[in-house]
C-alpha atoms as a PDB file:
ATOM      1  CA  UNK A   1     145.212 112.044  82.777  1.00  0.00           C
ATOM      2  CA  UNK A   2     142.983 114.700  82.538  1.00  0.00           C
ATOM      3  CA  UNK A   3     140.727 115.174  79.835  1.00  0.00           C
ATOM      4  CA  UNK A   4     141.033 118.021  77.484  1.00  0.00           C
ATOM      5  CA  UNK A   5     137.942 120.882  77.752  1.00  0.00           C
ATOM      6  CA  UNK A   6     136.756 122.549  75.350  1.00  0.00           C
ATOM      7  CA  UNK A   7     135.955 126.558  75.276  1.00  0.00           C
ATOM      8  CA  UNK A   8     132.371 127.312  75.951  1.00  0.00           C
ATOM      9  CA  UNK A   9     131.295 130.238  74.606  1.00  0.00           C
ATOM     10  CA  UNK A  10     127.909 132.468  74.289  1.00  0.00           C
ATOM     11  CA  UNK A  11     127.185 134.830  71.449  1.00  0.00           C
ATOM     12  CA  UNK A  12     126.391 138.729  72.377  1.00  0.00           C
ATOM     13  CA  UNK A  13     122.890 139.014  72.503  1.00  0.00           C
ATOM     14  CA  UNK A  14     120.456 141.674  71.124  1.00  0.00           C
ATOM     15  CA  UNK A  15     117.351 142.426  73.011  1.00  0.00           C
ATOM     16  CA  UNK A  16     116.099 144.720  69.872  1.00  0.00           C
ATOM     17  CA  UNK A  17     113.783 141.539  69.023  1.00  0.00           C
ATOM     18  CA  UNK A  18     111.959 141.257  72.109  1.00  0.00           C
ATOM     19  CA  UNK A  19     111.681 144.993  72.548  1.00  0.00           C
ATOM     20  CA  UNK A  20     109.382 145.183  68.923  1.00  0.00           C
ATOM     21  CA  UNK A  21     107.756 142.112  69.516  1.00  0.00           C
ATOM     22  CA  UNK A  22     106.902 143.943  73.087  1.00  0.00           C
ATOM     23  CA  UNK A  23     104.684 146.684  71.465  1.00  0.00           C
ATOM     24  CA  UNK A  24     102.666 144.607  69.578  1.00  0.00           C
ATOM     25  CA  UNK A  25     101.796 141.973  72.463  1.00  0.00           C
ATOM     26  CA  UNK A  26     100.271 144.740  74.922  1.00  0.00           C
ATOM     27  CA  UNK A  27      98.204 145.826  71.910  1.00  0.00           C
ATOM     28  CA  UNK A  28      96.895 142.823  71.831  1.00  0.00           C
ATOM     29  CA  UNK A  29      96.402 142.501  75.290  1.00  0.00           C
ATOM     30  CA  UNK A  30      94.541 145.700  75.132  1.00  0.00           C
ATOM     31  CA  UNK A  31      92.741 144.835  72.704  1.00  0.00           C
ATOM     32  CA  UNK A  32      91.609 141.219  74.256  1.00  0.00           C
ATOM     33  CA  UNK A  33      90.383 143.230  77.790  1.00  0.00           C
ATOM     34  CA  UNK A  34      88.842 145.526  76.197  1.00  0.00           C
ATOM     35  CA  UNK A  35      86.469 143.013  73.874  1.00  0.00           C
ATOM     36  CA  UNK A  36      82.811 142.545  74.967  1.00  0.00           C
ATOM     37  CA  UNK A  37      81.276 139.573  72.751  1.00  0.00           C
ATOM     38  CA  UNK A  38      77.290 140.408  72.530  1.00  0.00           C
ATOM     39  CA  UNK A  39      76.486 138.503  68.640  1.00  0.00           C
ATOM     40  CA  UNK A  40      77.290 135.756  67.200  1.00  0.00           C
ATOM     41  CA  UNK A  41      79.122 138.137  64.931  1.00  0.00           C
ATOM     42  CA  UNK A  42      81.267 138.956  67.561  1.00  0.00           C
ATOM     43  CA  UNK A  43      82.202 135.390  68.201  1.00  0.00           C
ATOM     44  CA  UNK A  44      83.184 134.321  65.251  1.00  0.00           C
ATOM     45  CA  UNK A  45      85.641 138.182  65.356  1.00  0.00           C
ATOM     46  CA  UNK A  46      87.374 136.940  68.505  1.00  0.00           C
ATOM     47  CA  UNK A  47      87.873 133.516  67.613  1.00  0.00           C
ATOM     48  CA  UNK A  48      89.635 134.929  64.956  1.00  0.00           C
ATOM     49  CA  UNK A  49      91.885 136.945  67.344  1.00  0.00           C
ATOM     50  CA  UNK A  50      92.403 134.206  69.330  1.00  0.00           C
ATOM     51  CA  UNK A  51      93.809 132.407  66.154  1.00  0.00           C
ATOM     52  CA  UNK A  52      95.969 135.510  65.543  1.00  0.00           C
ATOM     53  CA  UNK A  53      97.550 135.922  69.228  1.00  0.00           C
ATOM     54  CA  UNK A  54      98.245 132.173  69.125  1.00  0.00           C
ATOM     55  CA  UNK A  55     100.041 132.554  66.029  1.00  0.00           C
ATOM     56  CA  UNK A  56     102.079 135.314  67.528  1.00  0.00           C
ATOM     57  CA  UNK A  57     102.575 133.251  70.650  1.00  0.00           C
ATOM     58  CA  UNK A  58     104.261 130.590  68.527  1.00  0.00           C
ATOM     59  CA  UNK A  59     105.892 133.122  66.911  1.00  0.00           C
ATOM     60  CA  UNK A  60     106.928 134.811  69.741  1.00  0.00           C
ATOM     61  CA  UNK A  61     108.311 131.489  71.049  1.00  0.00           C
ATOM     62  CA  UNK A  62     110.453 130.374  68.026  1.00  0.00           C
ATOM     63  CA  UNK A  63     112.196 134.304  68.084  1.00  0.00           C
ATOM     64  CA  UNK A  64     112.972 133.289  72.237  1.00  0.00           C
ATOM     65  CA  UNK A  65     114.472 130.378  71.272  1.00  0.00           C
ATOM     66  CA  UNK A  66     116.889 131.631  68.777  1.00  0.00           C
ATOM     67  CA  UNK A  67     118.730 133.668  72.169  1.00  0.00           C
ATOM     68  CA  UNK A  68     117.656 131.061  75.208  1.00  0.00           C
ATOM     69  CA  UNK A  69     118.621 127.758  72.285  1.00  0.00           C
ATOM     70  CA  UNK A  70     122.612 129.021  72.833  1.00  0.00           C
ATOM     71  CA  UNK A  71     122.248 129.611  76.288  1.00  0.00           C
ATOM     72  CA  UNK A  72     120.450 126.650  77.111  1.00  0.00           C
ATOM     73  CA  UNK A  73     123.016 124.675  74.973  1.00  0.00           C
ATOM     74  CA  UNK A  74     125.741 126.712  77.021  1.00  0.00           C
ATOM     75  CA  UNK A  75     124.515 126.100  80.277  1.00  0.00           C
ATOM     76  CA  UNK A  76     124.114 122.253  79.974  1.00  0.00           C
ATOM     77  CA  UNK A  77     127.886 121.974  78.469  1.00  0.00           C
ATOM     78  CA  UNK A  78     128.777 124.128  81.814  1.00  0.00           C
ATOM     79  CA  UNK A  79     126.769 121.716  84.077  1.00  0.00           C
ATOM     80  CA  UNK A  80     128.274 118.427  82.541  1.00  0.00           C
ATOM     81  CA  UNK A  81     131.788 120.309  82.659  1.00  0.00           C
ATOM     82  CA  UNK A  82     131.117 120.410  86.680  1.00  0.00           C
ATOM     83  CA  UNK A  83     128.935 117.047  87.184  1.00  0.00           C
ATOM     84  CA  UNK A  84     131.914 114.111  87.734  1.00  0.00           C
ATOM     85  CA  UNK A  85     133.105 116.106  90.092  1.00  0.00           C
ATOM     86  CA  UNK A  86     129.410 117.282  92.078  1.00  0.00           C
ATOM     87  CA  UNK A  87     128.358 113.575  91.823  1.00  0.00           C
ATOM     88  CA  UNK A  88     132.142 112.578  93.452  1.00  0.00           C
ATOM     89  CA  UNK A  89     131.746 115.097  95.827  1.00  0.00           C
ATOM     90  CA  UNK A  90     128.112 114.416  97.202  1.00  0.00           C
ATOM     91  CA  UNK A  91     128.849 110.905  96.724  1.00  0.00           C
ATOM     92  CA  UNK A  92     131.841 110.983  99.113  1.00  0.00           C
ATOM     93  CA  UNK A  93     129.715 113.525 101.606  1.00  0.00           C
ATOM     94  CA  UNK A  94     126.879 110.670 101.484  1.00  0.00           C
ATOM     95  CA  UNK A  95     129.611 107.995 102.586  1.00  0.00           C
ATOM     96  CA  UNK A  96     131.035 110.239 105.279  1.00  0.00           C
ATOM     97  CA  UNK A  97     128.348 111.190 106.958  1.00  0.00           C
ATOM     98  CA  UNK A  98     126.895 107.266 106.805  1.00  0.00           C
ATOM     99  CA  UNK A  99     130.660 105.938 108.730  1.00  0.00           C
ATOM    100  CA  UNK A 100     129.820 109.268 110.938  1.00  0.00           C
ATOM    101  CA  UNK A 101     126.170 108.601 111.479  1.00  0.00           C
ATOM    102  CA  UNK A 102     126.800 104.466 112.197  1.00  0.00           C
ATOM    103  CA  UNK A 103     129.987 105.350 114.509  1.00  0.00           C
ATOM    104  CA  UNK A 104     127.663 107.485 116.553  1.00  0.00           C
ATOM    105  CA  UNK A 105     125.138 105.275 116.766  1.00  0.00           C
ATOM    106  CA  UNK A 106     127.098 103.033 118.276  1.00  0.00           C
ATOM    107  CA  UNK A 107     128.539 104.936 120.525  1.00  0.00           C
ATOM    108  CA  UNK A 108     124.573 106.178 121.508  1.00  0.00           C
ATOM    109  CA  UNK A 109     123.898 102.765 121.949  1.00  0.00           C
ATOM    110  CA  UNK A 110     126.893 101.746 124.184  1.00  0.00           C
ATOM    111  CA  UNK A 111     125.741 105.332 126.364  1.00  0.00           C
ATOM    112  CA  UNK A 112     121.888 103.462 126.917  1.00  0.00           C
ATOM    113  CA  UNK A 113     123.654 100.314 127.568  1.00  0.00           C
ATOM    114  CA  UNK A 114     125.806 101.882 130.411  1.00  0.00           C
ATOM    115  CA  UNK A 115     123.022 104.204 131.453  1.00  0.00           C
ATOM    116  CA  UNK A 116     120.719 101.176 131.745  1.00  0.00           C
ATOM    117  CA  UNK A 117     123.590  99.150 133.851  1.00  0.00           C
ATOM    118  CA  UNK A 118     123.823 101.918 135.976  1.00  0.00           C
ATOM    119  CA  UNK A 119     120.279 102.190 136.682  1.00  0.00           C
ATOM    120  CA  UNK A 120     120.027  98.896 137.767  1.00  0.00           C
ATOM    121  CA  UNK A 121     123.033  98.672 139.604  1.00  0.00           C
ATOM    122  CA  UNK A 122     121.829 101.970 141.702  1.00  0.00           C
ATOM    123  CA  UNK A 123     118.520 100.119 142.146  1.00  0.00           C
ATOM    124  CA  UNK A 124     119.831  96.888 143.788  1.00  0.00           C
ATOM    125  CA  UNK A 125     121.747  99.147 145.964  1.00  0.00           C
ATOM    126  CA  UNK A 126     118.373 100.751 146.839  1.00  0.00           C
ATOM    127  CA  UNK A 127     116.738  97.885 147.386  1.00  0.00           C
ATOM    128  CA  UNK A 128     119.366  96.525 149.552  1.00  0.00           C
ATOM    129  CA  UNK A 129     119.692  99.556 151.713  1.00  0.00           C
ATOM    130  CA  UNK A 130     115.688  99.345 152.154  1.00  0.00           C
ATOM    131  CA  UNK A 131     115.914  96.122 153.122  1.00  0.00           C
ATOM    132  CA  UNK A 132     118.589  96.739 155.850  1.00  0.00           C
ATOM    133  CA  UNK A 133     116.539  99.502 157.114  1.00  0.00           C
ATOM    134  CA  UNK A 134     112.965  97.263 157.254  1.00  0.00           C
ATOM    135  CA  UNK A 135     115.059  94.596 158.383  1.00  0.00           C
ATOM    136  CA  UNK A 136     116.389  96.868 161.371  1.00  0.00           C
ATOM    137  CA  UNK A 137     112.881  98.464 161.718  1.00  0.00           C
ATOM    138  CA  UNK A 138     111.339  94.435 162.537  1.00  0.00           C
ATOM    139  CA  UNK A 139     114.006  93.665 164.911  1.00  0.00           C
ATOM    140  CA  UNK A 140     113.254  96.993 166.806  1.00  0.00           C
ATOM    141  CA  UNK A 141     109.222  96.076 166.377  1.00  0.00           C
ATOM    142  CA  UNK A 142     110.277  92.765 167.960  1.00  0.00           C
ATOM    143  CA  UNK A 143     112.283  94.197 171.023  1.00  0.00           C
ATOM    144  CA  UNK A 144     109.330  96.503 171.311  1.00  0.00           C
ATOM    145  CA  UNK A 145     107.097  93.940 171.468  1.00  0.00           C
ATOM    146  CA  UNK A 146     109.608  91.716 174.177  1.00  0.00           C
ATOM    147  CA  UNK A 147     109.730  94.569 176.475  1.00  0.00           C
ATOM    148  CA  UNK A 148     106.070  95.450 176.805  1.00  0.00           C
ATOM    149  CA  UNK A 149     106.080  91.956 177.702  1.00  0.00           C
ATOM    150  CA  UNK A 150     108.302  92.305 180.707  1.00  0.00           C
ATOM    151  CA  UNK A 151     106.688  95.709 181.573  1.00  0.00           C
ATOM    152  CA  UNK A 152     108.932  98.013 180.643  1.00  0.00           C
ATOM    153  CA  UNK A 153     106.662 100.464 178.907  1.00  0.00           C
ATOM    154  CA  UNK A 154     109.538 103.209 178.142  1.00  0.00           C
ATOM    155  CA  UNK A 155     111.965 101.183 176.898  1.00  0.00           C
ATOM    156  CA  UNK A 156     109.277  99.541 174.624  1.00  0.00           C
ATOM    157  CA  UNK A 157     107.714 103.020 172.927  1.00  0.00           C
ATOM    158  CA  UNK A 158     111.714 103.870 172.480  1.00  0.00           C
ATOM    159  CA  UNK A 159     111.753 100.568 170.461  1.00  0.00           C
ATOM    160  CA  UNK A 160     108.918 101.516 168.538  1.00  0.00           C
ATOM    161  CA  UNK A 161     109.837 104.861 167.580  1.00  0.00           C
ATOM    162  CA  UNK A 162     113.070 103.436 166.372  1.00  0.00           C
ATOM    163  CA  UNK A 163     111.533 101.179 163.997  1.00  0.00           C
ATOM    164  CA  UNK A 164     109.084 103.959 162.846  1.00  0.00           C
ATOM    165  CA  UNK A 165     112.048 105.484 162.123  1.00  0.00           C
ATOM    166  CA  UNK A 166     113.851 102.965 160.083  1.00  0.00           C
ATOM    167  CA  UNK A 167     110.359 102.372 158.323  1.00  0.00           C
ATOM    168  CA  UNK A 168     110.283 106.553 156.869  1.00  0.00           C
ATOM    169  CA  UNK A 169     113.903 106.332 156.231  1.00  0.00           C
ATOM    170  CA  UNK A 170     113.351 103.056 154.362  1.00  0.00           C
ATOM    171  CA  UNK A 171     110.559 104.542 152.026  1.00  0.00           C
ATOM    172  CA  UNK A 172     112.992 107.524 151.280  1.00  0.00           C
ATOM    173  CA  UNK A 173     115.808 105.543 150.227  1.00  0.00           C
ATOM    174  CA  UNK A 174     117.159 106.685 146.421  1.00  0.00           C
ATOM    175  CA  UNK A 175     120.233 105.756 145.271  1.00  0.00           C
ATOM    176  CA  UNK A 176     121.421 108.255 142.321  1.00  0.00           C
ATOM    177  CA  UNK A 177     123.045 106.272 139.048  1.00  0.00           C
ATOM    178  CA  UNK A 178     126.496 106.925 138.377  1.00  0.00           C
ATOM    179  CA  UNK A 179     127.469 109.253 135.133  1.00  0.00           C
ATOM    180  CA  UNK A 180     128.150 107.431 131.902  1.00  0.00           C
ATOM    181  CA  UNK A 181     131.326 107.385 130.544  1.00  0.00           C
ATOM    182  CA  UNK A 182     130.547 106.469 127.037  1.00  0.00           C
ATOM    183  CA  UNK A 183     129.455 109.788 125.264  1.00  0.00           C
ATOM    184  CA  UNK A 184     129.185 110.465 121.277  1.00  0.00           C
ATOM    185  CA  UNK A 185     131.723 112.159 120.330  1.00  0.00           C
ATOM    186  CA  UNK A 186     132.077 116.174 119.803  1.00  0.00           C
ATOM    187  CA  UNK A 187     133.861 117.222 116.428  1.00  0.00           C
ATOM    188  CA  UNK A 188     134.047 120.479 114.643  1.00  0.00           C
ATOM    189  CA  UNK A 189     131.835 121.129 111.604  1.00  0.00           C
ATOM    190  CA  UNK A 190     129.623 118.038 112.682  1.00  0.00           C
ATOM    191  CA  UNK A 191     126.513 118.046 114.225  1.00  0.00           C
ATOM    192  CA  UNK A 192     123.098 116.106 114.745  1.00  0.00           C
ATOM    193  CA  UNK A 193     119.781 116.534 114.686  1.00  0.00           C
ATOM    194  CA  UNK A 194     116.637 114.084 115.371  1.00  0.00           C
ATOM    195  CA  UNK A 195     114.643 113.608 113.113  1.00  0.00           C
ATOM    196  CA  UNK A 196     111.509 111.777 113.615  1.00  0.00           C
ATOM    197  CA  UNK A 197     109.903 109.702 110.771  1.00  0.00           C
ATOM    198  CA  UNK A 198     106.788 107.576 110.176  1.00  0.00           C
ATOM    199  CA  UNK A 199     106.578 103.741 108.609  1.00  0.00           C
ATOM    200  CA  UNK A 200     103.474 102.598 107.592  1.00  0.00           C
ATOM    201  CA  UNK A 201     102.890  99.512 108.895  1.00  0.00           C
ATOM    202  CA  UNK A 202      99.023  98.847 108.150  1.00  0.00           C
ATOM    203  CA  UNK A 203      97.839 101.335 105.892  1.00  0.00           C
ATOM    204  CA  UNK A 204      93.965  99.983 106.813  1.00  0.00           C
ATOM    205  CA  UNK A 205      94.424 100.727 109.929  1.00  0.00           C
ATOM    206  CA  UNK A 206      95.474 104.807 109.518  1.00  0.00           C
ATOM    207  CA  UNK A 207      92.694 107.467 110.668  1.00  0.00           C
ATOM    208  CA  UNK A 208      91.229 109.388 107.568  1.00  0.00           C
ATOM    209  CA  UNK A 209      92.547 112.361 108.996  1.00  0.00           C
ATOM    210  CA  UNK A 210      96.333 111.122 108.088  1.00  0.00           C
ATOM    211  CA  UNK A 211      95.173 109.896 104.579  1.00  0.00           C
ATOM    212  CA  UNK A 212      95.169 112.274 101.458  1.00  0.00           C
ATOM    213  CA  UNK A 213      92.985 112.253  98.210  1.00  0.00           C
ATOM    214  CA  UNK A 214      95.118 111.462  95.150  1.00  0.00           C
ATOM    215  CA  UNK A 215      93.489 114.120  92.836  1.00  0.00           C
ATOM    216  CA  UNK A 216      96.119 113.525  89.737  1.00  0.00           C
ATOM    217  CA  UNK A 217      95.078 109.859  89.869  1.00  0.00           C
ATOM    218  CA  UNK A 218      91.373 110.619  89.831  1.00  0.00           C
ATOM    219  CA  UNK A 219      91.844 112.917  87.017  1.00  0.00           C
ATOM    220  CA  UNK A 220      93.401 110.338  85.369  1.00  0.00           C
ATOM    221  CA  UNK A 221      90.799 107.945  86.068  1.00  0.00           C
ATOM    222  CA  UNK A 222      88.083 110.761  84.818  1.00  0.00           C
ATOM    223  CA  UNK A 223      89.738 111.479  81.785  1.00  0.00           C
ATOM    224  CA  UNK A 224      89.649 107.573  80.852  1.00  0.00           C
ATOM    225  CA  UNK A 225      86.057 106.984  81.848  1.00  0.00           C
ATOM    226  CA  UNK A 226      84.631 109.734  81.144  1.00  0.00           C
ATOM    227  CA  UNK A 227      81.190 109.451  81.795  1.00  0.00           C
ATOM    228  CA  UNK A 228      81.693 105.812  82.856  1.00  0.00           C
ATOM    229  CA  UNK A 229      83.582 107.593  86.002  1.00  0.00           C
ATOM    230  CA  UNK A 230      82.196 106.114  89.706  1.00  0.00           C
ATOM    231  CA  UNK A 231      84.124 106.831  92.883  1.00  0.00           C
ATOM    232  CA  UNK A 232      81.902 107.380  95.794  1.00  0.00           C
ATOM    233  CA  UNK A 233      82.326 110.998  97.293  1.00  0.00           C
ATOM    234  CA  UNK A 234      83.455 112.342  93.640  1.00  0.00           C
ATOM    235  CA  UNK A 235      81.280 114.101  91.278  1.00  0.00           C
ATOM    236  CA  UNK A 236      83.073 113.960  87.918  1.00  0.00           C
ATOM    237  CA  UNK A 237      81.618 116.463  85.113  1.00  0.00           C
ATOM    238  CA  UNK A 238      82.843 117.790  81.385  1.00  0.00           C
ATOM    239  CA  UNK A 239      84.649 121.024  81.372  1.00  0.00           C
ATOM    240  CA  UNK A 240      84.712 122.969  78.129  1.00  0.00           C
ATOM    241  CA  UNK A 241      88.495 124.826  77.577  1.00  0.00           C
ATOM    242  CA  UNK A 242      89.123 127.038  74.595  1.00  0.00           C
ATOM    243  CA  UNK A 243      91.472 125.800  72.354  1.00  0.00           C
ATOM    244  CA  UNK A 244      92.506 127.501  69.711  1.00  0.00           C
ATOM    245  CA  UNK A 245      94.867 127.566  66.633  1.00  0.00           C
ATOM    246  CA  UNK A 246      97.501 129.771  65.401  1.00  0.00           C
ATOM    247  CA  UNK A 247      97.328 131.292  61.991  1.00  0.00           C
END
């Protein structure tokens, strides 16, 4: 059953309130930019101005919220309206991607195994051919030795040349592995990219250049410990920041 949806309405927005406040805000900005504090009296005057600025800023923020509040509520309602379908589609996409990746991984594993077998078979054939040529070379060398002992020098030299030729051929034997039949399937709209990642196995062995100082954690430690903060290689110091209150 389809759930009944309510109509989401946003009332017309008037910009007049923003325009009227803008003029006064820029006057305050010009005044602040022109200020020069030379005496203690000036300091107190500008402290008073800071309170006025803070008060005006707070009032401006409240007026802004009278406009953006209904808009934020409408946006939230729209997001809530589409969230179930959006989340369902995201989950469906992740499930499908995972299934595709797992199948592709299996096919890739098969391809690598087939490639390994083909390479191993090629190496065996290569070794067999080399052994055969080396055996022929050995026999020719023995033949040459026998012919030389019989005084048949010319024939002995010919046998030696054949033996050397067999040795040279044995050194250059190469059997190319047969092409692998298993391939990762290709489908329209589906593509893969190789992503290299890093997994830390022993943090203590990681070189210093790959380490990052946790400044947020140090700031929290400084806030908690104040003058008692002590960390090698770190200087802790207080900084005064003006915090005015609005009128």
